[in-house]
Amino acid sequence: MSALVNKFLPNPKTIAIVGCPFSGGQTKLGVDKGPIHLVEAGLIEQLQDIGWKVEFDGHHQFEDIQPASQPQIGNLKNPKLVSHVCESVANVVGGHTKNGQLPVTLGGDHSLAMGTISGTLESYPDACVIWVDAHADINTSETTGSGNIHGMPVSFLLGIGQKIPEFSWVCPMLKPERIVYIGLRDLDAGEKRILRENKIKAFSMHEVDKYGIGKVMEMALDHVNPNRDLPIHLSFDVDALDPSVAPSTGTPVRGGLTFREGHYICEAIHETGLLVALDLMEVNPSLADPESVRQTVAVGCSLVRAALGRRDAYNG
């Protein structure tokens, strides 16, 4: 593990793996198998090998909190289920952060970030979020075309849009100036308007191509964490990567981050010594051939290792 000291974690440095086999925020089957494949690929042992103490008590079994009924809320799909699951995740992640652990949440679909970031903000109310994704996931109930809540978690965290009673537990503690996007290239018209109206900083693939990933990371951190003293929550959707790098995901968009660009983002965040929570989302082992699944799972493990201190993550 890197000799850099994490400025927020006590010794011994401990990771808590939060396995979230959940797919209710979207409609494609299989993303709930992502965390199982990541753990079976040896992620826990890999993190122990680079010096972390790792706690893992098994994957969370969300079928136990299936609601008896699903209210109809516009065209939203599974709103009550998603709300219950994300609230449960918020409590789990919040418990780990309060105990001085670094939660690594393995998804599952990206609606789960509504829970993970809520949990982080309970312990670190001034935390900033670096959201790496092909999509902004900031639709509201008024702007969503699909009704898939994995495209909406940021709007709930910011308190944007219509108030929905089922999500009243979400405390909109995240401020627009405390989130930055990297890798965007597939936005709905409503999302573009929301980003513009709320002055939310976003670095699309155009900026990555124009400036290079090193400069983009410098500018992103300057925006959300100018003094390099705030906790960082990194939420990484593997579809930020080009499909040639991570093919087994639900909403791939060509023209994405290269293998090294994705890893550089993680390495740069590790180098700050400020990382307090990490999400790796949207690995879906059901959407590609076995070799593409193996490739995507291996890249997912490698990204986690890079964010947690392994500089040569691309070698293994």
C-alpha atoms as a PDB file:
ATOM      1  CA  MET A   1       0.000   0.000   0.000  1.00  0.00           C
ATOM      2  CA  SER A   2       1.138   3.549  -0.667  1.00  0.00           C
ATOM      3  CA  ALA A   3       3.002   5.226   2.184  1.00  0.00           C
ATOM      4  CA  LEU A   4       0.590   8.140   1.966  1.00  0.00           C
ATOM      5  CA  VAL A   5      -1.384   8.620   5.154  1.00  0.00           C
ATOM      6  CA  ASN A   6      -5.138   8.864   4.885  1.00  0.00           C
ATOM      7  CA  LYS A   7      -6.039  12.060   6.718  1.00  0.00           C
ATOM      8  CA  PHE A   8      -9.370  10.774   8.007  1.00  0.00           C
ATOM      9  CA  LEU A   9      -8.926   7.083   8.810  1.00  0.00           C
ATOM     10  CA  PRO A  10      -7.511   5.811  12.109  1.00  0.00           C
ATOM     11  CA  ASN A  11      -5.000   2.952  12.279  1.00  0.00           C
ATOM     12  CA  PRO A  12      -5.174   0.162  11.399  1.00  0.00           C
ATOM     13  CA  LYS A  13      -6.547   1.298   8.059  1.00  0.00           C
ATOM     14  CA  THR A  14      -9.687  -0.774   7.547  1.00  0.00           C
ATOM     15  CA  ILE A  15     -11.925  -1.326   4.543  1.00  0.00           C
ATOM     16  CA  ALA A  16     -15.480  -2.547   4.944  1.00  0.00           C
ATOM     17  CA  ILE A  17     -16.728  -4.315   1.803  1.00  0.00           C
ATOM     18  CA  VAL A  18     -20.435  -3.609   1.307  1.00  0.00           C
ATOM     19  CA  GLY A  19     -21.741  -6.081  -1.248  1.00  0.00           C
ATOM     20  CA  CYS A  20     -24.996  -4.834  -2.787  1.00  0.00           C
ATOM     21  CA  PRO A  21     -26.497  -7.357  -5.211  1.00  0.00           C
ATOM     22  CA  PHE A  22     -29.334  -5.085  -6.297  1.00  0.00           C
ATOM     23  CA  SER A  23     -30.829  -4.374  -9.705  1.00  0.00           C
ATOM     24  CA  GLY A  24     -34.127  -2.626  -8.905  1.00  0.00           C
ATOM     25  CA  GLY A  25     -33.035   0.804 -10.131  1.00  0.00           C
ATOM     26  CA  GLN A  26     -33.086  -0.390 -13.741  1.00  0.00           C
ATOM     27  CA  THR A  27     -34.590  -3.174 -15.837  1.00  0.00           C
ATOM     28  CA  LYS A  28     -31.721  -5.310 -17.139  1.00  0.00           C
ATOM     29  CA  LEU A  29     -31.184  -8.566 -15.287  1.00  0.00           C
ATOM     30  CA  GLY A  30     -27.784  -9.537 -13.939  1.00  0.00           C
ATOM     31  CA  VAL A  31     -26.280  -6.409 -12.389  1.00  0.00           C
ATOM     32  CA  ASP A  32     -27.144  -7.856  -8.973  1.00  0.00           C
ATOM     33  CA  LYS A  33     -24.522 -10.544  -9.706  1.00  0.00           C
ATOM     34  CA  GLY A  34     -21.733  -7.962 -10.100  1.00  0.00           C
ATOM     35  CA  PRO A  35     -20.575  -7.839  -6.469  1.00  0.00           C
ATOM     36  CA  ILE A  36     -20.591 -11.620  -6.201  1.00  0.00           C
ATOM     37  CA  HIS A  37     -18.277 -11.913  -9.220  1.00  0.00           C
ATOM     38  CA  LEU A  38     -15.969  -9.185  -7.893  1.00  0.00           C
ATOM     39  CA  VAL A  39     -15.538 -10.936  -4.546  1.00  0.00           C
ATOM     40  CA  GLU A  40     -15.148 -14.349  -6.186  1.00  0.00           C
ATOM     41  CA  ALA A  41     -12.402 -12.858  -8.380  1.00  0.00           C
ATOM     42  CA  GLY A  42     -10.314 -12.353  -5.234  1.00  0.00           C
ATOM     43  CA  LEU A  43     -10.863  -8.659  -4.495  1.00  0.00           C
ATOM     44  CA  ILE A  44     -10.705  -9.094  -0.726  1.00  0.00           C
ATOM     45  CA  GLU A  45      -7.403 -10.948  -0.878  1.00  0.00           C
ATOM     46  CA  GLN A  46      -6.034  -8.402  -3.345  1.00  0.00           C
ATOM     47  CA  LEU A  47      -6.769  -5.567  -0.933  1.00  0.00           C
ATOM     48  CA  GLN A  48      -5.239  -7.466   1.970  1.00  0.00           C
ATOM     49  CA  ASP A  49      -2.131  -8.008  -0.137  1.00  0.00           C
ATOM     50  CA  ILE A  50      -1.606  -4.245  -0.459  1.00  0.00           C
ATOM     51  CA  GLY A  51      -1.801  -3.749   3.300  1.00  0.00           C
ATOM     52  CA  TRP A  52      -5.443  -3.110   4.173  1.00  0.00           C
ATOM     53  CA  LYS A  53      -7.388  -4.794   6.905  1.00  0.00           C
ATOM     54  CA  VAL A  54     -10.607  -5.925   5.208  1.00  0.00           C
ATOM     55  CA  GLU A  55     -13.953  -6.685   6.803  1.00  0.00           C
ATOM     56  CA  PHE A  56     -16.630  -8.498   4.815  1.00  0.00           C
ATOM     57  CA  ASP A  57     -19.674 -10.090   6.401  1.00  0.00           C
ATOM     58  CA  GLY A  58     -21.280 -11.337   3.212  1.00  0.00           C
ATOM     59  CA  HIS A  59     -23.521  -9.694   0.653  1.00  0.00           C
ATOM     60  CA  HIS A  60     -26.625  -7.878   1.835  1.00  0.00           C
ATOM     61  CA  GLN A  61     -29.808  -9.797   1.126  1.00  0.00           C
ATOM     62  CA  PHE A  62     -32.238  -7.163  -0.083  1.00  0.00           C
ATOM     63  CA  GLU A  63     -35.049  -9.582  -0.823  1.00  0.00           C
ATOM     64  CA  ASP A  64     -35.781  -9.409   2.909  1.00  0.00           C
ATOM     65  CA  ILE A  65     -36.986  -5.826   2.533  1.00  0.00           C
ATOM     66  CA  GLN A  66     -39.227  -6.253  -0.489  1.00  0.00           C
ATOM     67  CA  PRO A  67     -42.223  -3.918   0.046  1.00  0.00           C
ATOM     68  CA  ALA A  68     -45.667  -5.461  -0.015  1.00  0.00           C
ATOM     69  CA  SER A  69     -46.816  -3.043  -2.714  1.00  0.00           C
ATOM     70  CA  GLN A  70     -45.316  -0.587  -5.185  1.00  0.00           C
ATOM     71  CA  PRO A  71     -47.063   2.805  -5.337  1.00  0.00           C
ATOM     72  CA  GLN A  72     -47.461   4.353  -8.759  1.00  0.00           C
ATOM     73  CA  ILE A  73     -45.352   7.525  -8.836  1.00  0.00           C
ATOM     74  CA  GLY A  74     -45.388   8.929 -12.337  1.00  0.00           C
ATOM     75  CA  ASN A  75     -43.398   6.547 -14.499  1.00  0.00           C
ATOM     76  CA  LEU A  76     -40.846   5.647 -11.805  1.00  0.00           C
ATOM     77  CA  LYS A  77     -40.005   1.950 -11.660  1.00  0.00           C
ATOM     78  CA  ASN A  78     -39.863   0.235  -8.244  1.00  0.00           C
ATOM     79  CA  PRO A  79     -39.765   3.478  -6.228  1.00  0.00           C
ATOM     80  CA  LYS A  80     -40.609   1.928  -2.861  1.00  0.00           C
ATOM     81  CA  LEU A  81     -38.161  -0.948  -3.282  1.00  0.00           C
ATOM     82  CA  VAL A  82     -35.340   1.355  -4.388  1.00  0.00           C
ATOM     83  CA  SER A  83     -36.041   3.699  -1.486  1.00  0.00           C
ATOM     84  CA  HIS A  84     -36.040   0.899   1.103  1.00  0.00           C
ATOM     85  CA  VAL A  85     -32.855  -0.634  -0.243  1.00  0.00           C
ATOM     86  CA  CYS A  86     -30.996   2.681  -0.484  1.00  0.00           C
ATOM     87  CA  GLU A  87     -32.026   3.644   3.038  1.00  0.00           C
ATOM     88  CA  SER A  88     -30.684   0.315   4.258  1.00  0.00           C
ATOM     89  CA  VAL A  89     -27.425   0.921   2.386  1.00  0.00           C
ATOM     90  CA  ALA A  90     -27.177   4.427   3.889  1.00  0.00           C
ATOM     91  CA  ASN A  91     -27.434   2.957   7.371  1.00  0.00           C
ATOM     92  CA  VAL A  92     -24.782   0.321   6.649  1.00  0.00           C
ATOM     93  CA  VAL A  93     -22.341   2.746   5.019  1.00  0.00           C
ATOM     94  CA  GLY A  94     -22.979   5.361   7.707  1.00  0.00           C
ATOM     95  CA  GLY A  95     -22.208   2.794  10.386  1.00  0.00           C
ATOM     96  CA  HIS A  96     -18.884   1.951   8.779  1.00  0.00           C
ATOM     97  CA  THR A  97     -17.836   5.589   8.384  1.00  0.00           C
ATOM     98  CA  LYS A  98     -18.748   6.308  12.008  1.00  0.00           C
ATOM     99  CA  ASN A  99     -16.495   3.408  13.002  1.00  0.00           C
ATOM    100  CA  GLY A 100     -13.586   4.931  11.097  1.00  0.00           C
ATOM    101  CA  GLN A 101     -13.702   2.387   8.273  1.00  0.00           C
ATOM    102  CA  LEU A 102     -13.599   3.080   4.551  1.00  0.00           C
ATOM    103  CA  PRO A 103     -16.701   1.525   2.962  1.00  0.00           C
ATOM    104  CA  VAL A 104     -16.171   0.011  -0.487  1.00  0.00           C
ATOM    105  CA  THR A 105     -19.619  -0.569  -1.947  1.00  0.00           C
ATOM    106  CA  LEU A 106     -19.891  -3.058  -4.790  1.00  0.00           C
ATOM    107  CA  GLY A 107     -22.990  -2.725  -6.952  1.00  0.00           C
ATOM    108  CA  GLY A 108     -25.411  -3.365  -8.198  1.00  0.00           C
ATOM    109  CA  ASP A 109     -26.961  -0.496 -10.087  1.00  0.00           C
ATOM    110  CA  HIS A 110     -26.059   3.145  -9.518  1.00  0.00           C
ATOM    111  CA  SER A 111     -29.298   4.015  -7.695  1.00  0.00           C
ATOM    112  CA  LEU A 112     -27.409   2.612  -4.694  1.00  0.00           C
ATOM    113  CA  ALA A 113     -25.278   5.776  -4.588  1.00  0.00           C
ATOM    114  CA  MET A 114     -28.293   7.546  -3.132  1.00  0.00           C
ATOM    115  CA  GLY A 115     -27.636   5.365  -0.090  1.00  0.00           C
ATOM    116  CA  THR A 116     -23.844   5.259  -0.103  1.00  0.00           C
ATOM    117  CA  ILE A 117     -23.383   9.026  -0.375  1.00  0.00           C
ATOM    118  CA  SER A 118     -26.102   9.663   2.212  1.00  0.00           C
ATOM    119  CA  GLY A 119     -24.199   7.374   4.566  1.00  0.00           C
ATOM    120  CA  THR A 120     -20.917   9.167   3.888  1.00  0.00           C
ATOM    121  CA  LEU A 121     -22.439  12.594   4.474  1.00  0.00           C
ATOM    122  CA  GLU A 122     -23.736  11.510   7.889  1.00  0.00           C
ATOM    123  CA  SER A 123     -20.165  11.241   9.134  1.00  0.00           C
ATOM    124  CA  TYR A 124     -18.516  13.700   6.749  1.00  0.00           C
ATOM    125  CA  PRO A 125     -21.067  16.452   6.027  1.00  0.00           C
ATOM    126  CA  ASP A 126     -18.474  18.497   4.125  1.00  0.00           C
ATOM    127  CA  ALA A 127     -17.446  15.615   1.868  1.00  0.00           C
ATOM    128  CA  CYS A 128     -17.187  16.172  -1.862  1.00  0.00           C
ATOM    129  CA  VAL A 129     -18.219  13.667  -4.516  1.00  0.00           C
ATOM    130  CA  ILE A 130     -16.300  12.706  -7.641  1.00  0.00           C
ATOM    131  CA  TRP A 131     -18.779  10.964  -9.939  1.00  0.00           C
ATOM    132  CA  VAL A 132     -17.148   9.027 -12.794  1.00  0.00           C
ATOM    133  CA  ASP A 133     -19.762   7.954 -15.319  1.00  0.00           C
ATOM    134  CA  ALA A 134     -20.916   8.153 -18.918  1.00  0.00           C
ATOM    135  CA  HIS A 135     -24.208   9.478 -17.528  1.00  0.00           C
ATOM    136  CA  ALA A 136     -25.066  12.275 -15.108  1.00  0.00           C
ATOM    137  CA  ASP A 137     -27.736  10.267 -13.222  1.00  0.00           C
ATOM    138  CA  ILE A 138     -29.396  13.558 -12.275  1.00  0.00           C
ATOM    139  CA  ASN A 139     -32.835  13.162 -13.828  1.00  0.00           C
ATOM    140  CA  THR A 140     -35.828  14.038 -11.675  1.00  0.00           C
ATOM    141  CA  SER A 141     -39.264  12.458 -11.668  1.00  0.00           C
ATOM    142  CA  GLU A 142     -40.273  15.226 -14.087  1.00  0.00           C
ATOM    143  CA  THR A 143     -37.410  14.759 -16.566  1.00  0.00           C
ATOM    144  CA  THR A 144     -36.839  11.013 -16.616  1.00  0.00           C
ATOM    145  CA  GLY A 145     -37.959   9.310 -19.785  1.00  0.00           C
ATOM    146  CA  SER A 146     -37.285   5.732 -18.719  1.00  0.00           C
ATOM    147  CA  GLY A 147     -38.395   5.910 -15.084  1.00  0.00           C
ATOM    148  CA  ASN A 148     -35.252   3.990 -14.102  1.00  0.00           C
ATOM    149  CA  ILE A 149     -34.090   5.379 -10.764  1.00  0.00           C
ATOM    150  CA  HIS A 150     -30.443   4.464 -11.430  1.00  0.00           C
ATOM    151  CA  GLY A 151     -30.554   7.578 -13.624  1.00  0.00           C
ATOM    152  CA  MET A 152     -31.778   9.784 -10.762  1.00  0.00           C
ATOM    153  CA  PRO A 153     -29.755   9.400  -7.516  1.00  0.00           C
ATOM    154  CA  VAL A 154     -27.904  12.723  -7.757  1.00  0.00           C
ATOM    155  CA  SER A 155     -31.141  14.709  -7.985  1.00  0.00           C
ATOM    156  CA  PHE A 156     -32.318  13.176  -4.707  1.00  0.00           C
ATOM    157  CA  LEU A 157     -28.985  13.884  -3.004  1.00  0.00           C
ATOM    158  CA  LEU A 158     -29.154  17.531  -4.131  1.00  0.00           C
ATOM    159  CA  GLY A 159     -32.853  17.944  -3.325  1.00  0.00           C
ATOM    160  CA  ILE A 160     -33.720  18.847  -6.910  1.00  0.00           C
ATOM    161  CA  GLY A 161     -37.157  18.203  -8.381  1.00  0.00           C
ATOM    162  CA  GLN A 162     -40.500  17.102  -7.025  1.00  0.00           C
ATOM    163  CA  LYS A 163     -40.515  15.892  -3.427  1.00  0.00           C
ATOM    164  CA  ILE A 164     -41.516  12.238  -3.259  1.00  0.00           C
ATOM    165  CA  PRO A 165     -42.685  10.963   0.156  1.00  0.00           C
ATOM    166  CA  GLU A 166     -41.109   7.533  -0.353  1.00  0.00           C
ATOM    167  CA  PHE A 167     -37.692   9.223  -0.444  1.00  0.00           C
ATOM    168  CA  SER A 168     -38.236  11.613   2.453  1.00  0.00           C
ATOM    169  CA  TRP A 169     -35.427   9.882   4.370  1.00  0.00           C
ATOM    170  CA  VAL A 170     -32.885  11.331   1.912  1.00  0.00           C
ATOM    171  CA  CYS A 171     -31.434  14.465   3.470  1.00  0.00           C
ATOM    172  CA  PRO A 172     -30.260  16.684   0.600  1.00  0.00           C
ATOM    173  CA  MET A 173     -26.924  17.547   2.192  1.00  0.00           C
ATOM    174  CA  LEU A 174     -24.922  17.499  -1.035  1.00  0.00           C
ATOM    175  CA  LYS A 175     -24.303  20.961  -2.478  1.00  0.00           C
ATOM    176  CA  PRO A 176     -23.895  21.582  -6.219  1.00  0.00           C
ATOM    177  CA  GLU A 177     -20.391  22.925  -5.721  1.00  0.00           C
ATOM    178  CA  ARG A 178     -19.391  19.709  -3.920  1.00  0.00           C
ATOM    179  CA  ILE A 179     -19.873  17.336  -6.849  1.00  0.00           C
ATOM    180  CA  VAL A 180     -17.902  17.038 -10.066  1.00  0.00           C
ATOM    181  CA  TYR A 181     -18.431  14.701 -12.997  1.00  0.00           C
ATOM    182  CA  ILE A 182     -15.780  13.043 -15.135  1.00  0.00           C
ATOM    183  CA  GLY A 183     -16.384  11.062 -18.328  1.00  0.00           C
ATOM    184  CA  LEU A 184     -19.861  12.278 -19.312  1.00  0.00           C
ATOM    185  CA  ARG A 185     -20.979  11.613 -22.881  1.00  0.00           C
ATOM    186  CA  ASP A 186     -24.647  10.542 -22.804  1.00  0.00           C
ATOM    187  CA  LEU A 187     -26.965  13.117 -21.197  1.00  0.00           C
ATOM    188  CA  ASP A 188     -30.682  13.707 -21.524  1.00  0.00           C
ATOM    189  CA  ALA A 189     -31.862  17.204 -22.408  1.00  0.00           C
ATOM    190  CA  GLY A 190     -33.352  17.666 -18.950  1.00  0.00           C
ATOM    191  CA  GLU A 191     -30.077  16.683 -17.316  1.00  0.00           C
ATOM    192  CA  LYS A 192     -28.142  19.219 -19.368  1.00  0.00           C
ATOM    193  CA  ARG A 193     -30.550  21.911 -18.182  1.00  0.00           C
ATOM    194  CA  ILE A 194     -30.238  20.808 -14.542  1.00  0.00           C
ATOM    195  CA  LEU A 195     -26.442  20.858 -14.694  1.00  0.00           C
ATOM    196  CA  ARG A 196     -26.481  24.298 -16.282  1.00  0.00           C
ATOM    197  CA  GLU A 197     -29.048  25.828 -13.917  1.00  0.00           C
ATOM    198  CA  ASN A 198     -27.269  24.496 -10.821  1.00  0.00           C
ATOM    199  CA  LYS A 199     -23.786  25.397 -12.096  1.00  0.00           C
ATOM    200  CA  ILE A 200     -22.566  21.832 -11.553  1.00  0.00           C
ATOM    201  CA  LYS A 201     -19.068  21.215 -12.854  1.00  0.00           C
ATOM    202  CA  ALA A 202     -18.745  18.438 -15.408  1.00  0.00           C
ATOM    203  CA  PHE A 203     -15.814  17.235 -17.481  1.00  0.00           C
ATOM    204  CA  SER A 204     -17.109  15.377 -20.512  1.00  0.00           C
ATOM    205  CA  MET A 205     -15.002  13.167 -22.734  1.00  0.00           C
ATOM    206  CA  HIS A 206     -14.448  16.270 -24.871  1.00  0.00           C
ATOM    207  CA  GLU A 207     -12.532  17.867 -21.984  1.00  0.00           C
ATOM    208  CA  VAL A 208     -10.659  14.638 -21.300  1.00  0.00           C
ATOM    209  CA  ASP A 209      -9.544  14.575 -24.943  1.00  0.00           C
ATOM    210  CA  LYS A 210      -8.732  18.280 -24.980  1.00  0.00           C
ATOM    211  CA  TYR A 211      -6.770  18.597 -21.733  1.00  0.00           C
ATOM    212  CA  GLY A 212      -5.703  15.049 -20.875  1.00  0.00           C
ATOM    213  CA  ILE A 213      -6.789  13.152 -17.788  1.00  0.00           C
ATOM    214  CA  GLY A 214      -4.017  14.579 -15.592  1.00  0.00           C
ATOM    215  CA  LYS A 215      -5.158  18.157 -16.136  1.00  0.00           C
ATOM    216  CA  VAL A 216      -8.826  17.173 -15.826  1.00  0.00           C
ATOM    217  CA  MET A 217      -8.184  15.593 -12.424  1.00  0.00           C
ATOM    218  CA  GLU A 218      -6.307  18.681 -11.295  1.00  0.00           C
ATOM    219  CA  MET A 219      -9.169  20.946 -12.387  1.00  0.00           C
ATOM    220  CA  ALA A 220     -11.809  18.646 -10.898  1.00  0.00           C
ATOM    221  CA  LEU A 221     -10.099  18.586  -7.507  1.00  0.00           C
ATOM    222  CA  ASP A 222      -9.485  22.348  -7.653  1.00  0.00           C
ATOM    223  CA  HIS A 223     -13.222  22.820  -8.099  1.00  0.00           C
ATOM    224  CA  VAL A 224     -14.639  20.556  -5.365  1.00  0.00           C
ATOM    225  CA  ASN A 225     -11.676  20.454  -2.998  1.00  0.00           C
ATOM    226  CA  PRO A 226      -9.517  23.520  -3.647  1.00  0.00           C
ATOM    227  CA  ASN A 227      -7.532  23.319  -0.410  1.00  0.00           C
ATOM    228  CA  ARG A 228      -7.235  19.520  -0.555  1.00  0.00           C
ATOM    229  CA  ASP A 229      -8.699  19.223   2.938  1.00  0.00           C
ATOM    230  CA  LEU A 230     -12.202  17.791   2.410  1.00  0.00           C
ATOM    231  CA  PRO A 231     -13.146  14.098   2.507  1.00  0.00           C
ATOM    232  CA  ILE A 232     -13.737  12.519  -0.919  1.00  0.00           C
ATOM    233  CA  HIS A 233     -16.414  10.017  -1.912  1.00  0.00           C
ATOM    234  CA  LEU A 234     -15.574   8.416  -5.266  1.00  0.00           C
ATOM    235  CA  SER A 235     -18.542   6.912  -7.107  1.00  0.00           C
ATOM    236  CA  PHE A 236     -17.317   5.031 -10.183  1.00  0.00           C
ATOM    237  CA  ASP A 237     -19.686   3.535 -12.756  1.00  0.00           C
ATOM    238  CA  VAL A 238     -17.787   1.126 -14.997  1.00  0.00           C
ATOM    239  CA  ASP A 239     -19.681   2.429 -18.030  1.00  0.00           C
ATOM    240  CA  ALA A 240     -17.461   5.508 -17.760  1.00  0.00           C
ATOM    241  CA  LEU A 241     -14.873   3.282 -19.409  1.00  0.00           C
ATOM    242  CA  ASP A 242     -15.015   2.615 -23.107  1.00  0.00           C
ATOM    243  CA  PRO A 243     -16.920  -0.613 -23.913  1.00  0.00           C
ATOM    244  CA  SER A 244     -13.694  -2.032 -25.343  1.00  0.00           C
ATOM    245  CA  VAL A 245     -12.316  -1.844 -21.792  1.00  0.00           C
ATOM    246  CA  ALA A 246     -15.407  -2.782 -19.756  1.00  0.00           C
ATOM    247  CA  PRO A 247     -17.920  -4.432 -22.090  1.00  0.00           C
ATOM    248  CA  SER A 248     -20.111  -6.196 -19.528  1.00  0.00           C
ATOM    249  CA  THR A 249     -22.255  -3.324 -18.267  1.00  0.00           C
ATOM    250  CA  GLY A 250     -25.865  -2.300 -18.754  1.00  0.00           C
ATOM    251  CA  THR A 251     -25.627   1.025 -20.594  1.00  0.00           C
ATOM    252  CA  PRO A 252     -22.332   1.088 -22.508  1.00  0.00           C
ATOM    253  CA  VAL A 253     -21.501   4.188 -24.549  1.00  0.00           C
ATOM    254  CA  ARG A 254     -18.614   4.205 -26.992  1.00  0.00           C
ATOM    255  CA  GLY A 255     -15.941   6.889 -26.793  1.00  0.00           C
ATOM    256  CA  GLY A 256     -15.259   6.427 -23.084  1.00  0.00           C
ATOM    257  CA  LEU A 257     -12.259   6.487 -20.786  1.00  0.00           C
ATOM    258  CA  THR A 258      -9.303   4.289 -21.615  1.00  0.00           C
ATOM    259  CA  PHE A 259      -7.989   1.691 -19.185  1.00  0.00           C
ATOM    260  CA  ARG A 260      -5.242   4.038 -18.029  1.00  0.00           C
ATOM    261  CA  GLU A 261      -7.467   7.114 -17.809  1.00  0.00           C
ATOM    262  CA  GLY A 262      -9.825   5.248 -15.475  1.00  0.00           C
ATOM    263  CA  HIS A 263      -6.947   4.083 -13.349  1.00  0.00           C
ATOM    264  CA  TYR A 264      -5.322   7.492 -13.264  1.00  0.00           C
ATOM    265  CA  ILE A 265      -8.515   8.959 -11.777  1.00  0.00           C
ATOM    266  CA  CYS A 266      -8.386   6.390  -8.980  1.00  0.00           C
ATOM    267  CA  GLU A 267      -4.659   6.832  -8.408  1.00  0.00           C
ATOM    268  CA  ALA A 268      -4.942  10.626  -8.254  1.00  0.00           C
ATOM    269  CA  ILE A 269      -7.697  10.412  -5.658  1.00  0.00           C
ATOM    270  CA  HIS A 270      -5.656   7.981  -3.585  1.00  0.00           C
ATOM    271  CA  GLU A 271      -2.700  10.363  -3.722  1.00  0.00           C
ATOM    272  CA  THR A 272      -4.743  13.080  -2.004  1.00  0.00           C
ATOM    273  CA  GLY A 273      -5.016  10.973   1.145  1.00  0.00           C
ATOM    274  CA  LEU A 274      -8.638  12.121   1.413  1.00  0.00           C
ATOM    275  CA  LEU A 275     -10.671   9.141   0.191  1.00  0.00           C
ATOM    276  CA  VAL A 276     -13.292   8.085   2.745  1.00  0.00           C
ATOM    277  CA  ALA A 277     -15.717   6.019   0.618  1.00  0.00           C
ATOM    278  CA  LEU A 278     -15.704   4.244  -2.726  1.00  0.00           C
ATOM    279  CA  ASP A 279     -18.454   2.861  -4.963  1.00  0.00           C
ATOM    280  CA  LEU A 280     -17.888   0.532  -7.910  1.00  0.00           C
ATOM    281  CA  MET A 281     -21.157   0.171  -9.787  1.00  0.00           C
ATOM    282  CA  GLU A 282     -22.883  -1.421 -12.803  1.00  0.00           C
ATOM    283  CA  VAL A 283     -20.715  -4.469 -13.447  1.00  0.00           C
ATOM    284  CA  ASN A 284     -23.232  -6.808 -15.083  1.00  0.00           C
ATOM    285  CA  PRO A 285     -21.938 -10.344 -15.703  1.00  0.00           C
ATOM    286  CA  SER A 286     -25.069 -11.351 -17.645  1.00  0.00           C
ATOM    287  CA  LEU A 287     -24.623  -9.091 -20.656  1.00  0.00           C
ATOM    288  CA  ALA A 288     -21.560 -10.414 -22.441  1.00  0.00           C
ATOM    289  CA  ASP A 289     -19.606 -13.523 -23.322  1.00  0.00           C
ATOM    290  CA  PRO A 290     -17.494 -15.181 -20.587  1.00  0.00           C
ATOM    291  CA  GLU A 291     -14.226 -13.544 -21.662  1.00  0.00           C
ATOM    292  CA  SER A 292     -15.827 -10.062 -21.708  1.00  0.00           C
ATOM    293  CA  VAL A 293     -17.280 -10.722 -18.255  1.00  0.00           C
ATOM    294  CA  ARG A 294     -13.877 -11.811 -16.953  1.00  0.00           C
ATOM    295  CA  GLN A 295     -12.306  -8.698 -18.468  1.00  0.00           C
ATOM    296  CA  THR A 296     -14.871  -6.341 -16.909  1.00  0.00           C
ATOM    297  CA  VAL A 297     -14.648  -7.961 -13.480  1.00  0.00           C
ATOM    298  CA  ALA A 298     -10.830  -7.851 -13.602  1.00  0.00           C
ATOM    299  CA  VAL A 299     -10.907  -4.159 -14.543  1.00  0.00           C
ATOM    300  CA  GLY A 300     -13.356  -3.476 -11.709  1.00  0.00           C
ATOM    301  CA  CYS A 301     -11.057  -5.122  -9.174  1.00  0.00           C
ATOM    302  CA  SER A 302      -8.105  -3.237 -10.638  1.00  0.00           C
ATOM    303  CA  LEU A 303      -9.863   0.135 -10.284  1.00  0.00           C
ATOM    304  CA  VAL A 304     -10.609  -0.561  -6.629  1.00  0.00           C
ATOM    305  CA  ARG A 305      -6.990  -1.522  -5.990  1.00  0.00           C
ATOM    306  CA  ALA A 306      -5.795   1.661  -7.716  1.00  0.00           C
ATOM    307  CA  ALA A 307      -8.083   3.844  -5.585  1.00  0.00           C
ATOM    308  CA  LEU A 308      -6.740   2.145  -2.471  1.00  0.00           C
ATOM    309  CA  GLY A 309      -3.068   2.479  -3.180  1.00  0.00           C
ATOM    310  CA  ARG A 310      -1.754   0.014  -5.734  1.00  0.00           C
ATOM    311  CA  ARG A 311       0.066   2.140  -8.289  1.00  0.00           C
ATOM    312  CA  ASP A 312       0.800  -0.778 -10.607  1.00  0.00           C
ATOM    313  CA  ALA A 313      -2.851  -1.914 -10.679  1.00  0.00           C
ATOM    314  CA  TYR A 314      -2.646  -2.340 -14.424  1.00  0.00           C
ATOM    315  CA  ASN A 315      -0.088  -5.145 -13.969  1.00  0.00           C
ATOM    316  CA  GLY A 316      -2.477  -7.502 -12.230  1.00  0.00           C
END
